[in-house]
Amino acid sequence: MAYGDKDNGTLFLQEIPSNLKNIFENEEEIINDFWAREVKKCLFVIEQREQKKEEYSLNKAEDEKRKALLEAAKEISDEVHQ
C-alpha cells in the first residue's frame, strides 16, 4: 500500500500482511456486530449520564427547599423567643 503526504510530497510505502488482505468468513458481520455493540454501549452511557444529571438536579432542588424551610423555621423560632 502506498500513500502520500500532501504538504511536502513524501510517499510512504507500507506492506500489508497477507492475513489482512483477504476477508475471512463472516468477518464483515462480526465487525458490524462489534460496532453495533459499541454504539449501544455509548447510547447507554449517554442515557445514564442524562438520568444522573436529572437526579442530581432534583436532589439539589430538594436540598435547597429543605435548607430554606430550616432557615424559615429558625427565623420563626428566633422571633418567638424574643
PDB file of N, CA and C in Angstrom:
ATOM      1  N   MET A   1       0.861  -1.160   0.000  1.00  0.00           N
ATOM      2  CA  MET A   1       0.000   0.000   0.000  1.00  0.00           C
ATOM      3  C   MET A   1       0.907   1.222   0.000  1.00  0.00           C
ATOM      4  N   ALA A   2       0.515   2.240  -0.722  1.00  0.00           N
ATOM      5  CA  ALA A   2       1.275   3.482  -0.770  1.00  0.00           C
ATOM      6  C   ALA A   2       0.330   4.647  -0.503  1.00  0.00           C
ATOM      7  N   TYR A   3       0.844   5.612   0.243  1.00  0.00           N
ATOM      8  CA  TYR A   3       0.078   6.838   0.492  1.00  0.00           C
ATOM      9  C   TYR A   3       1.074   7.968   0.634  1.00  0.00           C
ATOM     10  N   GLY A   4       0.592   9.183   0.378  1.00  0.00           N
ATOM     11  CA  GLY A   4       1.498  10.317   0.367  1.00  0.00           C
ATOM     12  C   GLY A   4       1.076  11.417   1.314  1.00  0.00           C
ATOM     13  N   ASP A   5       2.033  12.285   1.593  1.00  0.00           N
ATOM     14  CA  ASP A   5       1.826  13.449   2.432  1.00  0.00           C
ATOM     15  C   ASP A   5       1.596  14.637   1.513  1.00  0.00           C
ATOM     16  N   LYS A   6       0.449  15.259   1.632  1.00  0.00           N
ATOM     17  CA  LYS A   6       0.066  16.358   0.739  1.00  0.00           C
ATOM     18  C   LYS A   6       0.970  17.583   0.922  1.00  0.00           C
ATOM     19  N   ASP A   7       1.423  17.828   2.144  1.00  0.00           N
ATOM     20  CA  ASP A   7       2.174  19.051   2.428  1.00  0.00           C
ATOM     21  C   ASP A   7       3.566  19.070   1.807  1.00  0.00           C
ATOM     22  N   ASN A   8       4.345  17.972   1.981  1.00  0.00           N
ATOM     23  CA  ASN A   8       5.713  18.007   1.454  1.00  0.00           C
ATOM     24  C   ASN A   8       5.983  16.933   0.400  1.00  0.00           C
ATOM     25  N   GLY A   9       4.952  16.198  -0.021  1.00  0.00           N
ATOM     26  CA  GLY A   9       5.093  15.248  -1.113  1.00  0.00           C
ATOM     27  C   GLY A   9       5.802  13.954  -0.766  1.00  0.00           C
ATOM     28  N   THR A  10       5.908  13.611   0.479  1.00  0.00           N
ATOM     29  CA  THR A  10       6.566  12.369   0.884  1.00  0.00           C
ATOM     30  C   THR A  10       5.663  11.183   0.566  1.00  0.00           C
ATOM     31  N   LEU A  11       6.232  10.150  -0.030  1.00  0.00           N
ATOM     32  CA  LEU A  11       5.498   8.933  -0.353  1.00  0.00           C
ATOM     33  C   LEU A  11       5.874   7.862   0.662  1.00  0.00           C
ATOM     34  N   PHE A  12       4.842   7.260   1.246  1.00  0.00           N
ATOM     35  CA  PHE A  12       5.050   6.211   2.229  1.00  0.00           C
ATOM     36  C   PHE A  12       4.613   4.887   1.627  1.00  0.00           C
ATOM     37  N   LEU A  13       5.418   3.858   1.787  1.00  0.00           N
ATOM     38  CA  LEU A  13       5.093   2.515   1.330  1.00  0.00           C
ATOM     39  C   LEU A  13       4.940   1.632   2.558  1.00  0.00           C
ATOM     40  N   GLN A  14       3.860   0.887   2.585  1.00  0.00           N
ATOM     41  CA  GLN A  14       3.618   0.018   3.723  1.00  0.00           C
ATOM     42  C   GLN A  14       3.191  -1.344   3.201  1.00  0.00           C
ATOM     43  N   GLU A  15       3.822  -2.379   3.718  1.00  0.00           N
ATOM     44  CA  GLU A  15       3.465  -3.728   3.328  1.00  0.00           C
ATOM     45  C   GLU A  15       2.319  -4.213   4.206  1.00  0.00           C
ATOM     46  N   ILE A  16       1.278  -4.713   3.575  1.00  0.00           N
ATOM     47  CA  ILE A  16       0.117  -5.224   4.281  1.00  0.00           C
ATOM     48  C   ILE A  16       0.283  -6.731   4.469  1.00  0.00           C
ATOM     49  N   PRO A  17       0.161  -7.211   5.711  1.00  0.00           N
ATOM     50  CA  PRO A  17       0.271  -8.663   5.935  1.00  0.00           C
ATOM     51  C   PRO A  17      -0.812  -9.419   5.167  1.00  0.00           C
ATOM     52  N   SER A  18      -0.501 -10.614   4.752  1.00  0.00           N
ATOM     53  CA  SER A  18      -1.443 -11.384   3.932  1.00  0.00           C
ATOM     54  C   SER A  18      -2.750 -11.670   4.666  1.00  0.00           C
ATOM     55  N   ASN A  19      -2.703 -11.804   5.998  1.00  0.00           N
ATOM     56  CA  ASN A  19      -3.939 -12.088   6.721  1.00  0.00           C
ATOM     57  C   ASN A  19      -4.888 -10.882   6.740  1.00  0.00           C
ATOM     58  N   LEU A  20      -4.389  -9.689   6.420  1.00  0.00           N
ATOM     59  CA  LEU A  20      -5.261  -8.513   6.341  1.00  0.00           C
ATOM     60  C   LEU A  20      -5.744  -8.237   4.912  1.00  0.00           C
ATOM     61  N   LYS A  21      -5.168  -8.904   3.947  1.00  0.00           N
ATOM     62  CA  LYS A  21      -5.555  -8.689   2.551  1.00  0.00           C
ATOM     63  C   LYS A  21      -6.842  -9.415   2.197  1.00  0.00           C
ATOM     64  N   ASN A  22      -7.064 -10.565   2.796  1.00  0.00           N
ATOM     65  CA  ASN A  22      -8.217 -11.386   2.446  1.00  0.00           C
ATOM     66  C   ASN A  22      -9.259 -11.335   3.566  1.00  0.00           C
ATOM     67  N   ILE A  23     -10.510 -11.184   3.178  1.00  0.00           N
ATOM     68  CA  ILE A  23     -11.595 -11.163   4.148  1.00  0.00           C
ATOM     69  C   ILE A  23     -11.908 -12.590   4.561  1.00  0.00           C
ATOM     70  N   PHE A  24     -11.992 -12.807   5.869  1.00  0.00           N
ATOM     71  CA  PHE A  24     -12.336 -14.119   6.376  1.00  0.00           C
ATOM     72  C   PHE A  24     -13.854 -14.305   6.382  1.00  0.00           C
ATOM     73  N   GLU A  25     -14.268 -15.545   6.536  1.00  0.00           N
ATOM     74  CA  GLU A  25     -15.681 -15.866   6.568  1.00  0.00           C
ATOM     75  C   GLU A  25     -16.348 -15.136   7.741  1.00  0.00           C
ATOM     76  N   ASN A  26     -17.452 -14.461   7.474  1.00  0.00           N
ATOM     77  CA  ASN A  26     -18.245 -13.732   8.470  1.00  0.00           C
ATOM     78  C   ASN A  26     -17.502 -12.560   9.108  1.00  0.00           C
ATOM     79  N   GLU A  27     -16.368 -12.153   8.570  1.00  0.00           N
ATOM     80  CA  GLU A  27     -15.590 -11.071   9.170  1.00  0.00           C
ATOM     81  C   GLU A  27     -16.370  -9.760   9.163  1.00  0.00           C
ATOM     82  N   GLU A  28     -17.011  -9.471   8.066  1.00  0.00           N
ATOM     83  CA  GLU A  28     -17.771  -8.222   7.964  1.00  0.00           C
ATOM     84  C   GLU A  28     -18.937  -8.215   8.956  1.00  0.00           C
ATOM     85  N   GLU A  29     -19.620  -9.336   9.087  1.00  0.00           N
ATOM     86  CA  GLU A  29     -20.728  -9.446  10.035  1.00  0.00           C
ATOM     87  C   GLU A  29     -20.235  -9.287  11.476  1.00  0.00           C
ATOM     88  N   ILE A  30     -19.089  -9.901  11.769  1.00  0.00           N
ATOM     89  CA  ILE A  30     -18.519  -9.813  13.119  1.00  0.00           C
ATOM     90  C   ILE A  30     -18.158  -8.365  13.450  1.00  0.00           C
ATOM     91  N   ILE A  31     -17.549  -7.678  12.501  1.00  0.00           N
ATOM     92  CA  ILE A  31     -17.160  -6.283  12.715  1.00  0.00           C
ATOM     93  C   ILE A  31     -18.401  -5.406  12.871  1.00  0.00           C
ATOM     94  N   ASN A  32     -19.415  -5.643  12.045  1.00  0.00           N
ATOM     95  CA  ASN A  32     -20.650  -4.866  12.160  1.00  0.00           C
ATOM     96  C   ASN A  32     -21.321  -5.098  13.511  1.00  0.00           C
ATOM     97  N   ASP A  33     -21.316  -6.333  13.991  1.00  0.00           N
ATOM     98  CA  ASP A  33     -21.866  -6.639  15.309  1.00  0.00           C
ATOM     99  C   ASP A  33     -21.071  -5.940  16.408  1.00  0.00           C
ATOM    100  N   PHE A  34     -19.757  -5.932  16.251  1.00  0.00           N
ATOM    101  CA  PHE A  34     -18.897  -5.253  17.224  1.00  0.00           C
ATOM    102  C   PHE A  34     -19.259  -3.773  17.312  1.00  0.00           C
ATOM    103  N   TRP A  35     -19.373  -3.110  16.152  1.00  0.00           N
ATOM    104  CA  TRP A  35     -19.688  -1.680  16.157  1.00  0.00           C
ATOM    105  C   TRP A  35     -21.102  -1.419  16.669  1.00  0.00           C
ATOM    106  N   ALA A  36     -22.023  -2.315  16.385  1.00  0.00           N
ATOM    107  CA  ALA A  36     -23.382  -2.168  16.906  1.00  0.00           C
ATOM    108  C   ALA A  36     -23.371  -2.235  18.436  1.00  0.00           C
ATOM    109  N   ARG A  37     -22.578  -3.142  19.002  1.00  0.00           N
ATOM    110  CA  ARG A  37     -22.466  -3.234  20.465  1.00  0.00           C
ATOM    111  C   ARG A  37     -21.817  -1.982  21.043  1.00  0.00           C
ATOM    112  N   GLU A  38     -20.803  -1.469  20.366  1.00  0.00           N
ATOM    113  CA  GLU A  38     -20.132  -0.261  20.853  1.00  0.00           C
ATOM    114  C   GLU A  38     -21.078   0.938  20.837  1.00  0.00           C
ATOM    115  N   VAL A  39     -21.862   1.067  19.771  1.00  0.00           N
ATOM    116  CA  VAL A  39     -22.836   2.158  19.685  1.00  0.00           C
ATOM    117  C   VAL A  39     -23.877   2.009  20.794  1.00  0.00           C
ATOM    118  N   LYS A  40     -24.316   0.786  21.022  1.00  0.00           N
ATOM    119  CA  LYS A  40     -25.294   0.521  22.086  1.00  0.00           C
ATOM    120  C   LYS A  40     -24.718   0.908  23.452  1.00  0.00           C
ATOM    121  N   LYS A  41     -23.442   0.581  23.693  1.00  0.00           N
ATOM    122  CA  LYS A  41     -22.794   0.964  24.948  1.00  0.00           C
ATOM    123  C   LYS A  41     -22.745   2.482  25.098  1.00  0.00           C
ATOM    124  N   CYS A  42     -22.381   3.170  24.031  1.00  0.00           N
ATOM    125  CA  CYS A  42     -22.285   4.630  24.075  1.00  0.00           C
ATOM    126  C   CYS A  42     -23.652   5.256  24.363  1.00  0.00           C
ATOM    127  N   LEU A  43     -24.679   4.754  23.711  1.00  0.00           N
ATOM    128  CA  LEU A  43     -26.023   5.277  23.946  1.00  0.00           C
ATOM    129  C   LEU A  43     -26.465   5.016  25.379  1.00  0.00           C
ATOM    130  N   PHE A  44     -26.099   3.850  25.926  1.00  0.00           N
ATOM    131  CA  PHE A  44     -26.426   3.530  27.311  1.00  0.00           C
ATOM    132  C   PHE A  44     -25.744   4.511  28.258  1.00  0.00           C
ATOM    133  N   VAL A  45     -24.463   4.787  28.016  1.00  0.00           N
ATOM    134  CA  VAL A  45     -23.718   5.709  28.873  1.00  0.00           C
ATOM    135  C   VAL A  45     -24.321   7.108  28.790  1.00  0.00           C
ATOM    136  N   ILE A  46     -24.680   7.549  27.598  1.00  0.00           N
ATOM    137  CA  ILE A  46     -25.310   8.864  27.438  1.00  0.00           C
ATOM    138  C   ILE A  46     -26.620   8.914  28.213  1.00  0.00           C
ATOM    139  N   GLU A  47     -27.413   7.866  28.095  1.00  0.00           N
ATOM    140  CA  GLU A  47     -28.692   7.796  28.807  1.00  0.00           C
ATOM    141  C   GLU A  47     -28.471   7.826  30.318  1.00  0.00           C
ATOM    142  N   GLN A  48     -27.482   7.077  30.800  1.00  0.00           N
ATOM    143  CA  GLN A  48     -27.182   7.067  32.237  1.00  0.00           C
ATOM    144  C   GLN A  48     -26.732   8.438  32.718  1.00  0.00           C
ATOM    145  N   ARG A  49     -25.911   9.119  31.930  1.00  0.00           N
ATOM    146  CA  ARG A  49     -25.450  10.458  32.316  1.00  0.00           C
ATOM    147  C   ARG A  49     -26.619  11.428  32.404  1.00  0.00           C
ATOM    148  N   GLU A  50     -27.531  11.358  31.429  1.00  0.00           N
ATOM    149  CA  GLU A  50     -28.710  12.223  31.456  1.00  0.00           C
ATOM    150  C   GLU A  50     -29.553  11.940  32.691  1.00  0.00           C
ATOM    151  N   GLN A  51     -29.738  10.666  33.005  1.00  0.00           N
ATOM    152  CA  GLN A  51     -30.533  10.279  34.165  1.00  0.00           C
ATOM    153  C   GLN A  51     -29.870  10.768  35.456  1.00  0.00           C
ATOM    154  N   LYS A  52     -28.559  10.583  35.582  1.00  0.00           N
ATOM    155  CA  LYS A  52     -27.837  11.036  36.778  1.00  0.00           C
ATOM    156  C   LYS A  52     -27.888  12.555  36.902  1.00  0.00           C
ATOM    157  N   LYS A  53     -27.799  13.246  35.771  1.00  0.00           N
ATOM    158  CA  LYS A  53     -27.863  14.708  35.777  1.00  0.00           C
ATOM    159  C   LYS A  53     -29.235  15.173  36.275  1.00  0.00           C
ATOM    160  N   GLU A  54     -30.283  14.519  35.804  1.00  0.00           N
ATOM    161  CA  GLU A  54     -31.638  14.851  36.231  1.00  0.00           C
ATOM    162  C   GLU A  54     -31.818  14.564  37.722  1.00  0.00           C
ATOM    163  N   GLU A  55     -31.337  13.400  38.182  1.00  0.00           N
ATOM    164  CA  GLU A  55     -31.423  13.057  39.601  1.00  0.00           C
ATOM    165  C   GLU A  55     -30.664  14.070  40.458  1.00  0.00           C
ATOM    166  N   TYR A  56     -29.502  14.486  39.986  1.00  0.00           N
ATOM    167  CA  TYR A  56     -28.707  15.469  40.719  1.00  0.00           C
ATOM    168  C   TYR A  56     -29.466  16.783  40.832  1.00  0.00           C
ATOM    169  N   SER A  57     -30.079  17.222  39.735  1.00  0.00           N
ATOM    170  CA  SER A  57     -30.841  18.471  39.749  1.00  0.00           C
ATOM    171  C   SER A  57     -32.014  18.383  40.718  1.00  0.00           C
ATOM    172  N   LEU A  58     -32.729  17.259  40.706  1.00  0.00           N
ATOM    173  CA  LEU A  58     -33.859  17.087  41.625  1.00  0.00           C
ATOM    174  C   LEU A  58     -33.391  17.076  43.077  1.00  0.00           C
ATOM    175  N   ASN A  59     -32.312  16.356  43.355  1.00  0.00           N
ATOM    176  CA  ASN A  59     -31.773  16.315  44.720  1.00  0.00           C
ATOM    177  C   ASN A  59     -31.302  17.686  45.180  1.00  0.00           C
ATOM    178  N   LYS A  60     -30.688  18.426  44.276  1.00  0.00           N
ATOM    179  CA  LYS A  60     -30.203  19.763  44.612  1.00  0.00           C
ATOM    180  C   LYS A  60     -31.378  20.680  44.935  1.00  0.00           C
ATOM    181  N   ALA A  61     -32.447  20.599  44.141  1.00  0.00           N
ATOM    182  CA  ALA A  61     -33.632  21.418  44.390  1.00  0.00           C
ATOM    183  C   ALA A  61     -34.273  21.045  45.725  1.00  0.00           C
ATOM    184  N   GLU A  62     -34.345  19.764  46.039  1.00  0.00           N
ATOM    185  CA  GLU A  62     -34.902  19.321  47.324  1.00  0.00           C
ATOM    186  C   GLU A  62     -34.049  19.806  48.491  1.00  0.00           C
ATOM    187  N   ASP A  63     -32.739  19.761  48.335  1.00  0.00           N
ATOM    188  CA  ASP A  63     -31.843  20.251  49.388  1.00  0.00           C
ATOM    189  C   ASP A  63     -32.037  21.749  49.619  1.00  0.00           C
ATOM    190  N   GLU A  64     -32.184  22.505  48.536  1.00  0.00           N
ATOM    191  CA  GLU A  64     -32.405  23.943  48.664  1.00  0.00           C
ATOM    192  C   GLU A  64     -33.729  24.232  49.363  1.00  0.00           C
ATOM    193  N   LYS A  65     -34.781  23.472  49.034  1.00  0.00           N
ATOM    194  CA  LYS A  65     -36.073  23.640  49.704  1.00  0.00           C
ATOM    195  C   LYS A  65     -35.948  23.315  51.185  1.00  0.00           C
ATOM    196  N   ARG A  66     -35.255  22.228  51.489  1.00  0.00           N
ATOM    197  CA  ARG A  66     -35.070  21.814  52.876  1.00  0.00           C
ATOM    198  C   ARG A  66     -34.309  22.882  53.664  1.00  0.00           C
ATOM    199  N   LYS A  67     -33.258  23.428  53.069  1.00  0.00           N
ATOM    200  CA  LYS A  67     -32.478  24.475  53.740  1.00  0.00           C
ATOM    201  C   LYS A  67     -33.325  25.721  53.962  1.00  0.00           C
ATOM    202  N   ALA A  68     -34.133  26.078  52.958  1.00  0.00           N
ATOM    203  CA  ALA A  68     -34.998  27.252  53.092  1.00  0.00           C
ATOM    204  C   ALA A  68     -36.018  27.048  54.203  1.00  0.00           C
ATOM    205  N   LEU A  69     -36.591  25.849  54.288  1.00  0.00           N
ATOM    206  CA  LEU A  69     -37.561  25.560  55.352  1.00  0.00           C
ATOM    207  C   LEU A  69     -36.902  25.596  56.727  1.00  0.00           C
ATOM    208  N   LEU A  70     -35.717  25.045  56.846  1.00  0.00           N
ATOM    209  CA  LEU A  70     -34.998  25.082  58.122  1.00  0.00           C
ATOM    210  C   LEU A  70     -34.659  26.507  58.532  1.00  0.00           C
ATOM    211  N   GLU A  71     -34.249  27.296  57.565  1.00  0.00           N
ATOM    212  CA  GLU A  71     -33.922  28.695  57.843  1.00  0.00           C
ATOM    213  C   GLU A  71     -35.167  29.465  58.272  1.00  0.00           C
ATOM    214  N   ALA A  72     -36.288  29.215  57.588  1.00  0.00           N
ATOM    215  CA  ALA A  72     -37.546  29.878  57.950  1.00  0.00           C
ATOM    216  C   ALA A  72     -37.983  29.443  59.346  1.00  0.00           C
ATOM    217  N   ALA A  73     -37.860  28.165  59.647  1.00  0.00           N
ATOM    218  CA  ALA A  73     -38.229  27.678  60.970  1.00  0.00           C
ATOM    219  C   ALA A  73     -37.332  28.300  62.042  1.00  0.00           C
ATOM    220  N   LYS A  74     -36.073  28.448  61.732  1.00  0.00           N
ATOM    221  CA  LYS A  74     -35.136  29.066  62.684  1.00  0.00           C
ATOM    222  C   LYS A  74     -35.507  30.527  62.912  1.00  0.00           C
ATOM    223  N   GLU A  75     -35.841  31.250  61.860  1.00  0.00           N
ATOM    224  CA  GLU A  75     -36.231  32.654  61.997  1.00  0.00           C
ATOM    225  C   GLU A  75     -37.508  32.775  62.832  1.00  0.00           C
ATOM    226  N   ILE A  76     -38.459  31.890  62.591  1.00  0.00           N
ATOM    227  CA  ILE A  76     -39.699  31.907  63.374  1.00  0.00           C
ATOM    228  C   ILE A  76     -39.394  31.596  64.832  1.00  0.00           C
ATOM    229  N   SER A  77     -38.533  30.625  65.073  1.00  0.00           N
ATOM    230  CA  SER A  77     -38.161  30.260  66.437  1.00  0.00           C
ATOM    231  C   SER A  77     -37.446  31.423  67.130  1.00  0.00           C
ATOM    232  N   ASP A  78     -36.574  32.114  66.412  1.00  0.00           N
ATOM    233  CA  ASP A  78     -35.867  33.264  66.984  1.00  0.00           C
ATOM    234  C   ASP A  78     -36.849  34.379  67.324  1.00  0.00           C
ATOM    235  N   GLU A  79     -37.847  34.619  66.467  1.00  0.00           N
ATOM    236  CA  GLU A  79     -38.838  35.651  66.716  1.00  0.00           C
ATOM    237  C   GLU A  79     -39.699  35.302  67.925  1.00  0.00           C
ATOM    238  N   VAL A  80     -40.035  34.050  68.096  1.00  0.00           N
ATOM    239  CA  VAL A  80     -40.867  33.604  69.211  1.00  0.00           C
ATOM    240  C   VAL A  80     -40.105  33.756  70.525  1.00  0.00           C
ATOM    241  N   HIS A  81     -38.821  33.473  70.542  1.00  0.00           N
ATOM    242  CA  HIS A  81     -38.011  33.527  71.759  1.00  0.00           C
ATOM    243  C   HIS A  81     -37.644  34.955  72.145  1.00  0.00           C
ATOM    244  N   GLN A  82     -37.874  35.915  71.304  1.00  0.00           N
ATOM    245  CA  GLN A  82     -37.508  37.304  71.628  1.00  0.00           C
ATOM    246  C   GLN A  82     -38.573  37.984  72.352  1.00  0.00           C
TER     247      GLN A  82
END
